[in-house]
N, C-alpha and C. Protein backbone atom coordinates (compact mmCIF):
# COMPACT_ATOMS: atom_id res chain seq x y z
N UNK A 1 142.92 74.37 127.42
CA UNK A 1 143.02 74.20 126.06
C UNK A 1 141.74 73.88 125.16
N UNK A 2 141.11 72.88 125.59
CA UNK A 2 139.66 72.76 125.11
C UNK A 2 138.91 73.92 124.97
N UNK A 3 138.61 74.79 126.08
CA UNK A 3 137.93 75.87 126.00
C UNK A 3 138.20 76.95 125.21
N UNK A 4 140.04 76.77 125.00
CA UNK A 4 140.20 78.06 123.88
C UNK A 4 140.16 77.73 122.44
N UNK A 5 140.29 76.19 122.07
CA UNK A 5 139.83 75.96 120.79
C UNK A 5 138.29 76.22 120.52
N UNK A 6 137.66 76.01 121.51
CA UNK A 6 136.10 76.03 121.23
C UNK A 6 135.96 77.76 121.14
N UNK A 7 136.77 78.51 121.77
CA UNK A 7 136.23 79.81 121.63
C UNK A 7 136.82 80.45 120.30
N UNK A 8 138.06 80.01 119.58
CA UNK A 8 138.06 80.32 118.27
C UNK A 8 137.73 79.73 117.04
N UNK A 9 136.93 78.56 117.32
CA UNK A 9 136.43 77.68 116.51
C UNK A 9 135.45 78.58 115.36
N UNK A 10 136.19 78.38 114.15
CA UNK A 10 135.63 78.83 113.05
C UNK A 10 135.65 80.51 112.63
N UNK A 11 136.81 80.93 113.76
CA UNK A 11 137.27 82.59 113.48
C UNK A 11 138.43 82.30 112.55
N UNK A 12 138.99 83.51 112.46
CA UNK A 12 140.41 83.76 111.52
C UNK A 12 141.75 83.16 112.29
N UNK A 13 141.45 83.04 113.56
CA UNK A 13 142.36 82.38 114.50
C UNK A 13 142.50 80.89 114.73
N UNK A 14 141.42 80.01 114.11
CA UNK A 14 141.24 78.79 113.99
C UNK A 14 142.25 78.44 112.67
N UNK A 15 143.37 77.64 113.04
CA UNK A 15 144.29 77.34 111.93
C UNK A 15 144.00 76.03 111.26
N UNK A 16 142.85 75.51 111.99
CA UNK A 16 142.31 74.06 111.35
C UNK A 16 141.09 74.04 110.58
N UNK A 17 140.18 74.62 111.05
CA UNK A 17 138.76 74.81 110.32
C UNK A 17 138.65 76.28 109.44
N UNK A 18 138.24 76.04 108.59
CA UNK A 18 137.95 77.24 107.28
C UNK A 18 136.99 78.33 107.97
N UNK A 19 137.25 79.58 108.27
CA UNK A 19 136.64 80.57 108.87
C UNK A 19 135.23 80.94 107.93
N UNK A 20 136.07 80.99 106.32
CA UNK A 20 134.98 81.47 105.49
C UNK A 20 133.73 80.52 105.34
N UNK A 21 134.25 79.05 105.10
CA UNK A 21 132.91 78.25 105.21
C UNK A 21 132.34 78.18 106.36
N UNK A 22 132.88 78.38 107.40
CA UNK A 22 132.23 78.27 108.89
C UNK A 22 130.99 79.74 108.76
N UNK A 23 131.35 80.90 108.31
CA UNK A 23 130.80 81.82 108.34
C UNK A 23 129.82 82.03 107.07
N UNK A 24 130.09 81.93 105.68
CA UNK A 24 129.47 81.94 104.68
C UNK A 24 128.46 80.64 104.16
N UNK A 25 129.33 79.55 104.30
CA UNK A 25 128.99 78.34 103.88
C UNK A 25 129.52 78.02 102.51
N UNK A 26 130.39 78.67 102.14
CA UNK A 26 130.94 78.25 100.65
C UNK A 26 132.40 79.09 100.91
N UNK A 27 133.44 78.34 100.04
CA UNK A 27 134.71 78.94 100.12
C UNK A 27 135.17 78.75 98.45
N UNK A 28 135.99 79.98 98.27
CA UNK A 28 136.33 80.19 96.99
C UNK A 28 137.53 78.91 96.62
N UNK A 29 138.07 78.31 97.51
CA UNK A 29 139.39 77.23 97.40
C UNK A 29 138.11 75.71 97.04
N UNK A 30 137.00 75.86 97.79
CA UNK A 30 136.42 74.56 97.43
C UNK A 30 137.40 73.37 98.25
N UNK A 31 137.32 72.07 97.65
CA UNK A 31 137.98 71.08 98.45
C UNK A 31 139.33 71.37 98.20
N UNK A 32 140.15 72.38 97.70
CA UNK A 32 141.56 72.27 97.52
C UNK A 32 141.88 73.32 98.88
N UNK A 33 140.90 73.66 99.81
CA UNK A 33 141.17 74.40 100.82
C UNK A 33 142.11 73.71 101.78
N UNK A 34 142.93 74.68 102.40
CA UNK A 34 144.06 73.99 103.14
C UNK A 34 143.28 73.66 104.71
N UNK A 35 142.01 74.56 105.05
CA UNK A 35 141.49 74.20 106.07
C UNK A 35 140.32 73.11 106.19
N UNK A 36 139.61 72.78 107.07
CA UNK A 36 138.59 71.73 107.07
C UNK A 36 137.22 72.70 107.06
N UNK A 37 136.37 71.85 106.08
CA UNK A 37 135.40 72.59 105.70
C UNK A 37 134.16 71.46 106.56
N UNK A 38 133.58 71.81 107.90
CA UNK A 38 133.21 70.79 108.45
C UNK A 38 131.66 70.80 108.37
N UNK A 39 130.88 69.80 107.51
CA UNK A 39 129.63 70.11 107.37
C UNK A 39 128.67 69.57 108.50
N UNK A 40 127.66 70.56 109.10
CA UNK A 40 126.98 70.25 110.09
C UNK A 40 126.04 69.07 110.08
N UNK A 41 125.98 68.19 111.17
CA UNK A 41 125.05 67.22 111.24
C UNK A 41 123.54 67.93 111.26
N UNK A 42 123.39 69.07 112.05
CA UNK A 42 122.37 69.93 112.46
C UNK A 42 122.49 71.00 112.06
N UNK A 43 121.26 71.79 111.63
CA UNK A 43 121.36 73.04 111.46
C UNK A 43 119.87 73.58 111.29
N UNK A 44 119.78 74.96 111.53
CA UNK A 44 118.64 75.63 111.28
C UNK A 44 118.78 76.21 109.51
N UNK A 45 119.92 76.10 109.02
CA UNK A 45 120.00 76.81 107.46
C UNK A 45 120.52 75.63 106.74
N UNK A 46 119.76 75.74 105.56
CA UNK A 46 120.14 74.94 104.14
C UNK A 46 120.42 75.88 103.13
N UNK A 47 121.18 75.17 102.39
CA UNK A 47 121.93 75.82 101.49
C UNK A 47 121.65 75.24 99.92
N UNK A 48 121.00 75.83 98.83
CA UNK A 48 120.84 74.96 97.79
C UNK A 48 121.91 75.77 96.76
N UNK A 49 123.05 75.18 96.55
CA UNK A 49 124.10 75.84 95.92
C UNK A 49 123.70 76.28 94.17
N UNK A 50 123.97 77.20 93.58
CA UNK A 50 123.69 77.46 92.39
C UNK A 50 122.79 77.14 91.65
N UNK A 51 121.36 77.63 92.44
CA UNK A 51 120.00 77.13 92.24
C UNK A 51 119.54 78.38 91.26
N UNK A 52 119.63 79.72 91.70
CA UNK A 52 119.42 80.70 90.94
C UNK A 52 119.87 81.17 89.73
N UNK A 53 119.67 80.86 88.71
CA UNK A 53 120.03 81.17 87.25
C UNK A 53 119.69 82.99 86.85
N UNK A 54 120.43 83.65 87.37
CA UNK A 54 120.50 84.99 86.84
C UNK A 54 120.33 85.35 85.48
N UNK A 55 119.08 85.65 85.01
CA UNK A 55 119.39 86.03 83.36
C UNK A 55 120.30 87.66 83.10
N UNK A 56 120.63 88.09 84.21
CA UNK A 56 121.43 89.41 83.80
C UNK A 56 122.77 88.84 83.63
N UNK A 57 123.27 87.65 83.87
CA UNK A 57 124.61 86.92 83.46
C UNK A 57 124.65 86.15 82.33
N UNK A 58 123.47 86.31 81.70
CA UNK A 58 123.44 85.39 80.33
C UNK A 58 123.36 86.38 79.04
N UNK A 59 124.40 86.60 78.46
CA UNK A 59 124.41 87.75 77.42
C UNK A 59 123.27 87.51 76.40
N UNK A 60 122.76 86.06 76.11
CA UNK A 60 121.86 86.04 75.06
C UNK A 60 120.46 86.27 75.85
N UNK A 61 120.17 86.32 77.02
CA UNK A 61 118.78 86.69 77.79
C UNK A 61 118.27 88.00 77.23
N UNK A 62 118.92 89.08 77.12
CA UNK A 62 118.47 90.34 76.39
C UNK A 62 117.42 91.05 77.33
N UNK A 63 117.25 91.04 78.64
CA UNK A 63 116.38 91.61 79.66
C UNK A 63 116.91 92.90 80.13
N UNK A 64 115.97 93.83 80.41
CA UNK A 64 116.21 95.06 80.93
C UNK A 64 116.29 94.75 82.33
N UNK A 65 116.89 95.97 83.18
CA UNK A 65 116.84 95.92 84.59
C UNK A 65 115.14 95.29 85.30
N UNK A 66 114.41 96.02 84.79
CA UNK A 66 112.95 95.49 85.42
C UNK A 66 112.50 94.03 84.95
N UNK A 67 112.94 93.72 83.71
CA UNK A 67 112.51 92.31 83.40
C UNK A 67 113.55 91.13 84.33
N UNK A 68 114.73 91.66 84.90
CA UNK A 68 115.30 90.91 85.27
C UNK A 68 114.75 90.40 86.89
N UNK A 69 114.44 91.92 87.39
CA UNK A 69 113.45 92.06 88.92
C UNK A 69 112.10 91.21 88.66
N UNK A 70 111.70 91.18 87.70
CA UNK A 70 110.63 90.63 87.62
C UNK A 70 110.84 89.12 87.98
N UNK A 71 111.64 88.68 86.94
CA UNK A 71 112.05 87.19 86.97
C UNK A 71 112.84 86.81 88.22
N UNK A 72 113.45 87.47 89.04
CA UNK A 72 113.90 87.26 90.15
C UNK A 72 112.86 87.30 91.39
N UNK A 73 111.95 88.06 91.30
CA UNK A 73 110.91 88.12 92.18
C UNK A 73 110.12 86.71 91.99
N UNK A 74 109.81 86.34 90.98
CA UNK A 74 109.27 85.29 90.48
C UNK A 74 109.90 83.95 91.20
N UNK A 75 110.96 83.83 90.88
CA UNK A 75 111.80 82.61 91.36
C UNK A 75 111.75 83.02 92.82
N UNK A 76 111.79 83.99 93.71
CA UNK A 76 111.77 83.95 95.16
C UNK A 76 110.63 83.37 95.77
N UNK A 77 109.65 83.97 94.92
CA UNK A 77 107.94 83.54 95.28
C UNK A 77 108.01 82.24 95.27
N UNK A 78 108.40 81.11 94.15
CA UNK A 78 108.71 80.05 93.97
C UNK A 78 109.17 79.45 95.09
N UNK A 79 110.53 79.93 95.59
CA UNK A 79 111.40 79.32 96.70
C UNK A 79 110.40 79.37 97.98
N UNK A 80 110.03 80.77 98.30
CA UNK A 80 109.33 80.95 99.59
C UNK A 80 108.46 79.96 99.57
N UNK A 81 107.50 79.73 98.45
CA UNK A 81 106.18 78.99 99.05
C UNK A 81 106.88 77.84 99.05
N UNK A 82 107.38 77.20 98.22
CA UNK A 82 108.15 75.64 98.59
C UNK A 82 108.72 75.30 99.81
N UNK A 83 109.65 76.31 100.03
CA UNK A 83 110.72 75.91 101.57
C UNK A 83 109.39 76.23 102.72
N UNK A 84 108.49 76.99 102.63
CA UNK A 84 107.73 77.14 103.89
C UNK A 84 106.59 75.83 103.92
N UNK A 85 106.71 75.21 102.82
CA UNK A 85 105.92 73.57 103.31
C UNK A 85 106.48 72.74 104.15
N UNK A 86 107.83 73.03 104.44
CA UNK A 86 108.50 72.28 105.71
C UNK A 86 108.77 72.65 106.54
N UNK A 87 108.40 74.03 107.05
CA UNK A 87 108.20 74.39 108.25
C UNK A 87 108.41 76.33 108.44
N UNK A 88 108.71 76.66 109.57
CA UNK A 88 108.58 78.27 109.44
C UNK A 88 109.82 78.65 109.10
N UNK A 89 109.91 79.40 108.14
CA UNK A 89 111.08 79.90 107.25
C UNK A 89 111.14 81.45 108.02
N UNK A 90 112.60 81.84 108.59
CA UNK A 90 112.82 82.85 109.16
C UNK A 90 113.39 83.88 108.03
N UNK A 91 114.33 83.15 107.33
CA UNK A 91 115.23 83.85 106.37
C UNK A 91 115.39 83.14 105.05
N UNK A 92 115.15 84.03 103.83
CA UNK A 92 115.62 83.31 102.74
C UNK A 92 116.87 84.48 101.85
N UNK A 93 118.01 84.07 101.66
CA UNK A 93 119.05 84.67 100.99
C UNK A 93 119.44 84.23 99.78
N UNK A 94 119.07 85.12 98.44
CA UNK A 94 119.68 84.70 97.42
C UNK A 94 120.82 85.40 97.11
N UNK A 95 121.91 84.72 96.54
CA UNK A 95 123.35 85.41 96.22
C UNK A 95 123.23 86.15 94.86
N UNK A 96 123.78 87.34 94.78
CA UNK A 96 123.96 87.79 93.40
C UNK A 96 125.22 87.97 93.18
N UNK A 97 126.34 87.13 93.74
CA UNK A 97 127.40 87.35 93.43
C UNK A 97 127.82 86.52 91.94
N UNK A 98 129.04 86.70 91.31
CA UNK A 98 129.12 86.17 90.43
C UNK A 98 130.57 84.90 90.47
N UNK A 99 131.09 85.06 91.51
CA UNK A 99 132.33 83.92 92.03
C UNK A 99 131.45 82.16 91.99
N UNK A 100 132.21 81.51 91.47
CA UNK A 100 131.58 79.98 91.29
C UNK A 100 131.04 79.49 92.42
N UNK A 101 131.69 79.87 93.86
CA UNK A 101 131.20 79.28 94.67
C UNK A 101 130.20 79.92 95.62
N UNK A 102 129.50 81.17 94.95
CA UNK A 102 128.67 81.82 95.71
C UNK A 102 127.39 82.19 94.47
N UNK A 103 127.81 81.98 93.26
CA UNK A 103 126.76 82.31 92.04
C UNK A 103 125.69 81.59 92.28
N UNK A 104 124.06 82.18 92.32
CA UNK A 104 123.06 81.53 92.67
C UNK A 104 122.85 80.91 93.39
N UNK A 105 123.67 81.00 94.97
CA UNK A 105 123.37 80.22 96.09
C UNK A 105 121.95 80.54 96.63
N UNK A 106 121.18 79.63 97.24
CA UNK A 106 119.93 80.07 97.76
C UNK A 106 120.15 79.60 99.23
N UNK A 107 120.10 80.20 100.16
CA UNK A 107 119.94 79.81 101.74
C UNK A 107 118.77 80.36 102.48
N UNK A 108 118.40 79.31 103.13
CA UNK A 108 117.26 79.62 104.17
C UNK A 108 117.49 79.12 105.39
N UNK A 109 116.71 79.88 106.28
CA UNK A 109 116.95 79.56 107.65
C UNK A 109 115.72 79.36 108.19
N UNK A 110 115.38 78.21 108.94
CA UNK A 110 114.07 77.62 109.41
C UNK A 110 114.34 77.97 111.16
N UNK A 111 113.16 78.06 111.50
CA UNK A 111 112.97 78.26 113.10
C UNK A 111 113.71 77.14 113.63
N UNK A 112 113.22 75.88 113.22
CA UNK A 112 113.66 74.95 113.62
C UNK A 112 114.71 73.83 112.92
N UNK A 113 115.48 73.08 113.72
CA UNK A 113 116.34 72.23 112.70
C UNK A 113 115.94 71.19 112.15
N UNK A 114 114.84 70.42 112.52
CA UNK A 114 114.15 69.26 112.29
C UNK A 114 113.43 69.81 110.81
N UNK A 115 113.00 70.90 110.88
CA UNK A 115 112.34 71.40 109.49
C UNK A 115 113.39 71.56 108.33
N UNK A 116 114.42 71.92 108.81
CA UNK A 116 115.64 72.11 107.95
C UNK A 116 116.16 70.65 107.26
N UNK A 117 116.07 69.98 108.24
CA UNK A 117 116.49 68.38 107.58
C UNK A 117 115.50 67.80 106.83
N UNK A 118 114.28 68.04 107.22
CA UNK A 118 113.07 67.41 106.20
C UNK A 118 113.10 68.22 104.93
N UNK A 119 113.53 69.62 104.63
CA UNK A 119 113.86 70.35 103.70
C UNK A 119 114.79 69.57 102.78
N UNK A 120 115.83 69.30 103.52
CA UNK A 120 117.35 69.03 102.83
C UNK A 120 116.80 67.48 102.03
N UNK A 121 116.19 66.54 102.84
CA UNK A 121 116.03 65.29 102.49
C UNK A 121 115.03 65.30 101.12
N UNK A 122 114.08 66.23 101.20
CA UNK A 122 112.79 66.48 99.94
C UNK A 122 113.55 67.22 98.67
N UNK A 123 114.29 68.22 99.10
CA UNK A 123 114.56 68.71 98.10
C UNK A 123 115.77 68.04 97.10
N UNK A 124 116.62 66.94 97.73
CA UNK A 124 117.44 66.53 96.79
C UNK A 124 116.84 65.70 95.86
N UNK A 125 115.51 65.70 95.83
CA UNK A 125 114.81 64.40 94.89
C UNK A 125 114.11 65.30 93.99
N UNK A 126 114.34 66.94 93.93
CA UNK A 126 113.77 67.77 92.98
C UNK A 126 114.37 68.29 92.09
N UNK A 127 113.64 68.71 90.99
CA UNK A 127 114.26 69.48 89.74
C UNK A 127 113.19 71.03 89.88
N UNK A 128 114.08 71.90 89.36
CA UNK A 128 113.55 73.53 89.39
C UNK A 128 113.88 73.88 87.94
N UNK A 129 113.07 74.29 86.95
CA UNK A 129 113.68 75.11 85.76
C UNK A 129 114.62 73.97 84.91
N UNK A 130 113.94 72.75 85.09
CA UNK A 130 114.71 71.82 84.15
C UNK A 130 116.13 71.32 84.81
N UNK A 131 116.39 71.74 85.86
CA UNK A 131 117.73 71.44 86.40
C UNK A 131 117.58 70.81 87.67
N UNK A 132 118.53 69.91 88.38
CA UNK A 132 118.29 69.04 89.76
C UNK A 132 118.61 69.95 90.84
N UNK A 133 117.83 70.11 91.82
CA UNK A 133 117.97 70.77 92.97
C UNK A 133 118.80 69.81 93.97
N UNK A 134 120.07 70.58 94.40
CA UNK A 134 120.86 69.92 95.48
C UNK A 134 120.54 71.09 96.64
N UNK A 135 120.71 70.10 97.93
CA UNK A 135 120.64 70.92 99.07
C UNK A 135 121.58 69.82 100.20
N UNK A 136 121.42 70.94 101.13
CA UNK A 136 122.65 70.58 102.08
C UNK A 136 122.38 71.58 103.49
N UNK A 137 123.03 70.86 104.57
CA UNK A 137 122.62 71.91 105.83
C UNK A 137 123.94 72.48 105.62
N UNK A 138 123.75 73.88 106.31
CA UNK A 138 124.70 75.02 106.26
C UNK A 138 125.05 75.56 107.58
N UNK A 139 126.48 75.87 107.88
CA UNK A 139 127.07 76.23 109.23
C UNK A 139 126.66 77.52 109.44
N UNK A 140 125.93 78.30 108.58
CA UNK A 140 125.70 79.85 108.60
C UNK A 140 124.28 79.98 109.58
N UNK A 141 124.73 80.70 110.54
CA UNK A 141 123.56 81.25 111.63
C UNK A 141 123.61 82.56 111.61
N UNK A 142 124.45 83.44 111.26
CA UNK A 142 124.04 85.00 111.30
C UNK A 142 124.11 85.55 110.02
N UNK A 143 123.31 85.83 109.31
CA UNK A 143 123.44 86.46 107.91
C UNK A 143 124.14 87.73 108.02
N UNK A 144 123.74 88.29 108.95
CA UNK A 144 124.43 89.85 109.17
C UNK A 144 126.03 89.69 109.03
N UNK A 145 126.50 88.80 109.57
CA UNK A 145 127.97 88.55 109.36
C UNK A 145 128.43 87.97 107.99
N UNK A 146 127.51 87.16 107.42
CA UNK A 146 127.55 86.54 106.17
C UNK A 146 127.71 87.53 104.74
N UNK A 147 126.54 88.27 104.99
CA UNK A 147 126.33 89.50 103.89
C UNK A 147 127.41 90.46 104.10
N UNK A 148 127.74 90.70 102.57
CA UNK A 148 128.80 92.04 102.48
C UNK A 148 128.22 93.34 102.90
N UNK A 149 128.65 94.12 103.93
CA UNK A 149 128.20 95.03 104.32
C UNK A 149 128.16 96.43 103.45
N UNK A 150 129.34 96.42 102.74
CA UNK A 150 129.44 97.32 101.44
C UNK A 150 128.17 97.37 100.36
N UNK A 151 127.75 96.22 100.08
CA UNK A 151 126.85 96.04 99.31
C UNK A 151 125.67 96.19 99.64
N UNK A 152 125.41 95.94 101.07
CA UNK A 152 124.05 96.11 101.69
C UNK A 152 123.77 97.66 101.80
N UNK A 153 124.77 98.64 102.00
CA UNK A 153 124.69 99.91 102.07
C UNK A 153 124.86 100.57 101.44
N UNK A 154 125.91 100.36 99.94
CA UNK A 154 126.04 101.16 98.78
C UNK A 154 126.33 100.52 97.83
N UNK A 155 127.70 100.23 97.36
CA UNK A 155 128.02 99.29 96.35
C UNK A 155 129.53 98.82 96.85
N UNK A 156 129.68 97.42 96.64
CA UNK A 156 130.62 96.82 97.08
C UNK A 156 132.07 97.05 96.17
N UNK A 157 133.40 97.54 96.67
CA UNK A 157 134.14 97.70 95.57
C UNK A 157 135.11 96.62 95.18
N UNK A 158 134.55 95.37 95.52
CA UNK A 158 135.07 93.98 94.99
C UNK A 158 134.06 93.49 93.96
N UNK A 159 132.93 94.08 93.71
CA UNK A 159 132.15 93.63 92.78
C UNK A 159 131.68 92.23 93.24
N UNK A 160 131.27 91.64 92.03
CA UNK A 160 130.49 90.32 92.05
C UNK A 160 131.38 89.12 92.76
N UNK A 161 132.67 89.47 92.51
CA UNK A 161 133.64 88.33 93.05
C UNK A 161 134.05 88.16 94.43
N UNK A 162 133.19 89.42 95.23
CA UNK A 162 133.43 89.60 96.59
C UNK A 162 133.12 87.97 97.45
N UNK A 163 133.89 87.80 98.37
CA UNK A 163 133.60 86.58 99.07
C UNK A 163 132.65 86.51 100.20
N UNK A 164 132.24 87.77 100.24
CA UNK A 164 130.97 87.54 101.23
C UNK A 164 129.48 87.60 100.38
N UNK A 165 128.26 87.36 101.21
CA UNK A 165 127.28 87.18 100.19
C UNK A 165 126.98 88.54 99.70
N UNK A 166 126.38 88.77 98.45
CA UNK A 166 125.60 89.87 98.04
C UNK A 166 124.43 89.54 97.73
N UNK A 167 123.29 89.76 98.88
CA UNK A 167 121.90 89.62 98.92
C UNK A 167 121.28 90.30 97.70
N UNK A 168 120.71 89.52 97.02
CA UNK A 168 119.55 90.19 95.89
C UNK A 168 118.37 90.41 96.71
N UNK A 169 117.89 91.84 96.30
CA UNK A 169 116.85 92.19 97.33
C UNK A 169 115.36 91.84 96.23
N UNK A 170 114.58 91.33 96.98
CA UNK A 170 113.15 91.14 96.48
C UNK A 170 112.29 92.17 96.65
N UNK A 171 111.30 92.38 95.72
CA UNK A 171 110.23 93.41 95.88
C UNK A 171 109.79 93.42 97.27
N UNK A 172 109.81 94.69 98.27
CA UNK A 172 109.22 94.66 99.29
C UNK A 172 107.64 94.37 99.50
N UNK A 173 106.94 94.83 98.52
CA UNK A 173 105.49 94.51 98.54
C UNK A 173 105.44 92.93 98.69
N UNK A 174 106.38 92.33 97.86
CA UNK A 174 105.96 90.88 97.64
C UNK A 174 106.36 89.94 98.95
N UNK A 175 107.73 90.55 99.53
CA UNK A 175 108.15 90.21 100.83
C UNK A 175 107.10 90.17 101.72
N UNK A 176 106.49 91.25 101.81
CA UNK A 176 105.24 91.35 103.03
C UNK A 176 104.18 90.57 102.82
N UNK A 177 104.03 90.19 101.48
CA UNK A 177 102.72 89.27 100.99
C UNK A 177 103.08 87.98 101.74
N UNK A 178 104.22 87.74 101.13
CA UNK A 178 104.58 86.28 101.57
C UNK A 178 104.64 85.83 102.90
N UNK A 179 105.39 86.92 103.60
CA UNK A 179 105.46 87.00 104.99
C UNK A 179 104.03 86.91 105.88
N UNK A 180 103.09 87.71 105.35
CA UNK A 180 101.89 87.48 105.67
C UNK A 180 101.20 86.24 105.72
N UNK A 181 101.49 85.69 104.26
CA UNK A 181 100.71 84.52 103.99
C UNK A 181 101.15 83.03 104.89
N UNK A 182 102.86 83.34 105.02
CA UNK A 182 103.21 82.38 106.05
C UNK A 182 102.63 82.31 107.25
N UNK A 183 102.42 83.60 107.99
CA UNK A 183 101.75 83.79 109.13
C UNK A 183 100.55 83.19 109.35
N UNK A 184 99.68 83.61 108.35
CA UNK A 184 98.15 82.93 108.37
C UNK A 184 98.17 81.37 108.35
N UNK A 185 99.25 80.97 107.34
CA UNK A 185 99.27 79.43 107.47
C UNK A 185 99.71 78.94 108.52
N UNK A 186 100.74 79.27 109.12
CA UNK A 186 101.28 78.66 110.47
C UNK A 186 99.89 78.64 111.75
N UNK A 187 99.03 79.95 111.33
CA UNK A 187 98.13 80.06 112.46
C UNK A 187 97.08 78.86 112.05
N UNK A 188 96.81 78.63 110.80
CA UNK A 188 95.50 77.62 110.32
C UNK A 188 96.21 76.35 110.66
N UNK A 189 97.55 76.07 110.69
CA UNK A 189 97.91 74.61 110.85
C UNK A 189 98.02 74.40 112.47
N UNK A 190 97.88 75.58 113.16
CA UNK A 190 97.62 75.22 114.78
C UNK A 190 96.50 74.96 115.16
N UNK A 191 95.55 74.64 114.33
CA UNK A 191 94.13 74.54 114.42
C UNK A 191 94.07 73.20 113.32
N UNK A 192 94.39 73.19 112.47
CA UNK A 192 94.64 71.60 111.67
C UNK A 192 95.91 71.45 111.08
N UNK A 193 96.29 70.31 111.48
CA UNK A 193 97.76 69.72 111.56
C UNK A 193 97.91 69.30 109.94
N UNK A 194 96.78 68.93 109.35
CA UNK A 194 96.90 68.15 108.03
C UNK A 194 96.47 69.23 107.00
N UNK A 195 97.29 70.40 106.68
CA UNK A 195 96.86 71.33 105.44
C UNK A 195 96.95 70.53 104.03
N UNK A 196 96.26 71.05 103.16
CA UNK A 196 96.39 70.30 101.99
C UNK A 196 97.76 71.20 101.39
N UNK A 197 98.38 70.42 100.47
CA UNK A 197 99.64 70.91 99.70
C UNK A 197 99.10 71.62 98.22
N UNK A 198 99.51 72.84 97.98
CA UNK A 198 99.23 73.27 96.97
C UNK A 198 100.21 72.76 95.77
N UNK A 199 100.16 72.67 94.89
CA UNK A 199 100.91 72.80 93.56
C UNK A 199 102.07 73.35 93.50
N UNK A 200 103.12 72.54 93.69
CA UNK A 200 104.65 73.00 93.74
C UNK A 200 105.73 73.17 92.17
N UNK A 201 105.94 74.33 92.24
CA UNK A 201 106.78 74.64 90.83
C UNK A 201 108.04 73.55 90.87
N UNK A 202 108.24 73.11 92.21
CA UNK A 202 109.63 72.48 92.39
C UNK A 202 109.13 70.98 91.83
N UNK A 203 109.59 70.22 90.90
CA UNK A 203 109.03 69.17 90.60
C UNK A 203 109.96 67.92 91.42
N UNK A 204 109.49 66.81 91.42
CA UNK A 204 110.46 65.54 92.04
C UNK A 204 110.79 65.08 90.78
N UNK A 205 112.29 64.40 91.39
CA UNK A 205 113.00 63.91 90.50
C UNK A 205 112.60 62.33 89.93
N UNK A 206 112.69 61.72 88.94
CA UNK A 206 112.03 60.33 88.34
C UNK A 206 113.45 59.34 88.21
């Protein structure tokens, strides 16, 4: 029995634990969900809910598509540079959904669990763009399962209220530049374990 329960944990067959929370790290029912949302004590992945404020969702912003992309690229660069200070970042996903439980969510998966824990502890004392940052460990391990396949390939027929992640795409050249910078940084700290910290766009709460 124990082996069977372990095999169905977090799947749709599991009648106790919420499969959406386990797979996506968020559930549209929130605290009202009839199934358990088991928050992990250890994880490689962190979640900063509702952190990205997409100007495309703000009627008063009046930005065209190019300006919205530039705004996002700037945000992504800020997040990447800050998150990489805690350890090697494998993946960052910023949700472009409009549903309350996913809108603006930022997920980051680290290579090591201890780096994710350090990031959560530090980020919960921070502000970004005048708003407090909230961070928690997330059960998400496989973003291929968490991200909407329709959205990745063409266009999702559920739109922004889809319950799977709609990953917002960063400029490929910027992504390559950031990835290369991280590799150089990791190589450098292999020789020097005390690298200087550059100024951070994410302020500390007081």
